[in-house]
Structures are given as structure tokens and as C-alpha cells.
């Protein structure tokens, strides 16, 4: 959904949500694909009030150094299958080099 490639960025009160339902019922992943809610590649990024919900792989991927998140809300997707678990996807993934 959102990728940040710059450093010294402030994220404030952001809700990144993949629709998991509509007025007729469930929306399956093929109808509304979104793999990652937020990818941070920049350094010194601060997130205040970050919510990421229902994407199909890692909810957040954090690759930048000296970052900080203050308040994080996450809901894993409802419509995933065993591939989600086998892929070791997570709600908040921080790269090994960070």
C-alpha cells in the first residue's frame, strides 16, 4: 500500500486497511490483493498511531535504521490459507540488518 524510501519522515495517524468485506459479505484475496501495508526503507522514520490490517503477507516491513513506532494496531487477514503460515508472514517484520 505505502512505501517510504526517504529518511527523516513522520507518519502520523495512519490506517492502512485492505478491505476484507463489503455489503455483500467477505472479499477474498483474489478480489482485493494487497501484500504489504507499509514498507519503510528510509532511516530515522517515526510512526505515531499506525494501524495496518488484513494484507496478505507481512503487514509492516521495516528496513530503515533508527526508526520508531509509537502505538501500533494490527489485524491479520481473515481469508488467508496455510500459505500465510508457511510463508512465516508477520504483523511487524524488522530486517536483520536494522
Protein backbone atom coordinates (compact mmCIF):
# COMPACT_ATOMS: atom_id res chain seq x y z
CA UNK A 1 0.00 0.00 0.00
CA UNK A 2 2.62 2.53 1.12
CA UNK A 3 6.40 2.52 0.64
CA UNK A 4 8.65 5.12 2.24
CA UNK A 5 12.05 5.45 0.57
CA UNK A 6 13.06 8.74 2.22
CA UNK A 7 14.65 9.36 5.59
CA UNK A 8 13.54 11.69 8.39
CA UNK A 9 9.83 11.06 7.78
CA UNK A 10 6.98 11.26 10.29
CA UNK A 11 3.95 9.02 9.83
CA UNK A 12 1.01 10.31 11.86
CA UNK A 13 -2.37 8.68 12.49
CA UNK A 14 -2.33 6.32 9.51
CA UNK A 15 -4.74 3.43 8.98
CA UNK A 16 -3.77 1.12 6.11
CA UNK A 17 -6.62 -1.33 5.68
CA UNK A 18 -7.27 -3.91 2.97
CA UNK A 19 -10.99 -4.37 2.69
CA UNK A 20 -11.94 -7.80 3.95
CA UNK A 21 -15.67 -7.37 3.47
CA UNK A 22 -18.25 -5.31 1.63
CA UNK A 23 -22.02 -5.02 1.89
CA UNK A 24 -22.45 -8.44 0.26
CA UNK A 25 -20.05 -10.30 2.58
CA UNK A 26 -16.42 -11.39 2.50
CA UNK A 27 -13.92 -10.14 -0.04
CA UNK A 28 -11.41 -12.87 -0.87
CA UNK A 29 -7.76 -12.13 -1.65
CA UNK A 30 -8.13 -12.60 -5.40
CA UNK A 31 -10.74 -9.84 -5.48
CA UNK A 32 -8.68 -7.36 -3.46
CA UNK A 33 -4.98 -8.27 -3.42
CA UNK A 34 -2.61 -6.24 -1.25
CA UNK A 35 0.53 -7.94 0.02
CA UNK A 36 2.11 -5.41 2.40
CA UNK A 37 0.60 -2.44 4.19
CA UNK A 38 3.76 -0.42 4.91
CA UNK A 39 7.35 -0.79 3.76
CA UNK A 40 9.92 1.55 5.31
CA UNK A 41 13.27 1.78 3.51
CA UNK A 42 14.37 5.16 4.88
CA UNK A 43 16.29 5.87 8.07
CA UNK A 44 15.01 7.92 11.01
CA UNK A 45 11.33 7.26 10.27
CA UNK A 46 8.90 7.69 13.17
CA UNK A 47 5.34 6.37 13.12
CA UNK A 48 2.80 7.81 15.56
CA UNK A 49 -0.53 5.97 15.51
CA UNK A 50 0.00 3.31 12.84
CA UNK A 51 -2.66 0.71 12.03
CA UNK A 52 -2.18 -1.93 9.33
CA UNK A 53 -4.86 -4.53 8.76
CA UNK A 54 -5.70 -7.55 6.65
CA UNK A 55 -2.95 -7.50 3.99
CA UNK A 56 -1.96 -10.88 2.63
CA UNK A 57 1.72 -11.09 3.61
CA UNK A 58 3.81 -9.07 6.10
CA UNK A 59 1.70 -6.25 7.49
CA UNK A 60 4.76 -3.98 8.01
CA UNK A 61 8.28 -4.43 6.60
CA UNK A 62 10.81 -2.13 8.29
CA UNK A 63 14.20 -1.88 6.54
CA UNK A 64 15.39 1.51 7.79
CA UNK A 65 17.67 2.23 10.73
CA UNK A 66 16.90 4.40 13.77
CA UNK A 67 13.14 4.06 13.28
CA UNK A 68 10.47 4.14 15.91
CA UNK A 69 6.80 3.23 16.16
CA UNK A 70 4.64 4.67 18.90
CA UNK A 71 1.30 2.85 19.05
CA UNK A 72 0.74 0.09 16.54
CA UNK A 73 -2.51 -1.73 15.80
CA UNK A 74 -2.68 -4.82 13.63
CA UNK A 75 -5.26 -7.32 12.49
CA UNK A 76 -4.08 -10.29 10.49
CA UNK A 77 -6.12 -11.19 7.40
CA UNK A 78 -9.22 -13.34 7.77
CA UNK A 79 -9.10 -15.01 4.37
CA UNK A 80 -5.56 -16.40 4.20
CA UNK A 81 -4.79 -20.07 3.97
CA UNK A 82 -1.88 -22.29 5.02
CA UNK A 83 0.47 -20.38 2.69
CA UNK A 84 0.36 -17.46 5.14
CA UNK A 85 1.75 -19.61 7.95
CA UNK A 86 4.18 -21.44 5.69
CA UNK A 87 5.49 -18.09 4.43
CA UNK A 88 6.26 -17.01 8.02
CA UNK A 89 4.48 -13.70 7.45
CA UNK A 90 4.13 -11.43 10.42
CA UNK A 91 2.37 -8.38 11.75
CA UNK A 92 5.60 -6.35 12.02
CA UNK A 93 8.81 -7.55 10.38
CA UNK A 94 12.14 -5.81 11.02
CA UNK A 95 15.05 -6.68 8.73
CA UNK A 96 18.07 -8.40 10.28
CA UNK A 97 20.41 -5.53 9.34
CA UNK A 98 18.34 -2.95 11.24
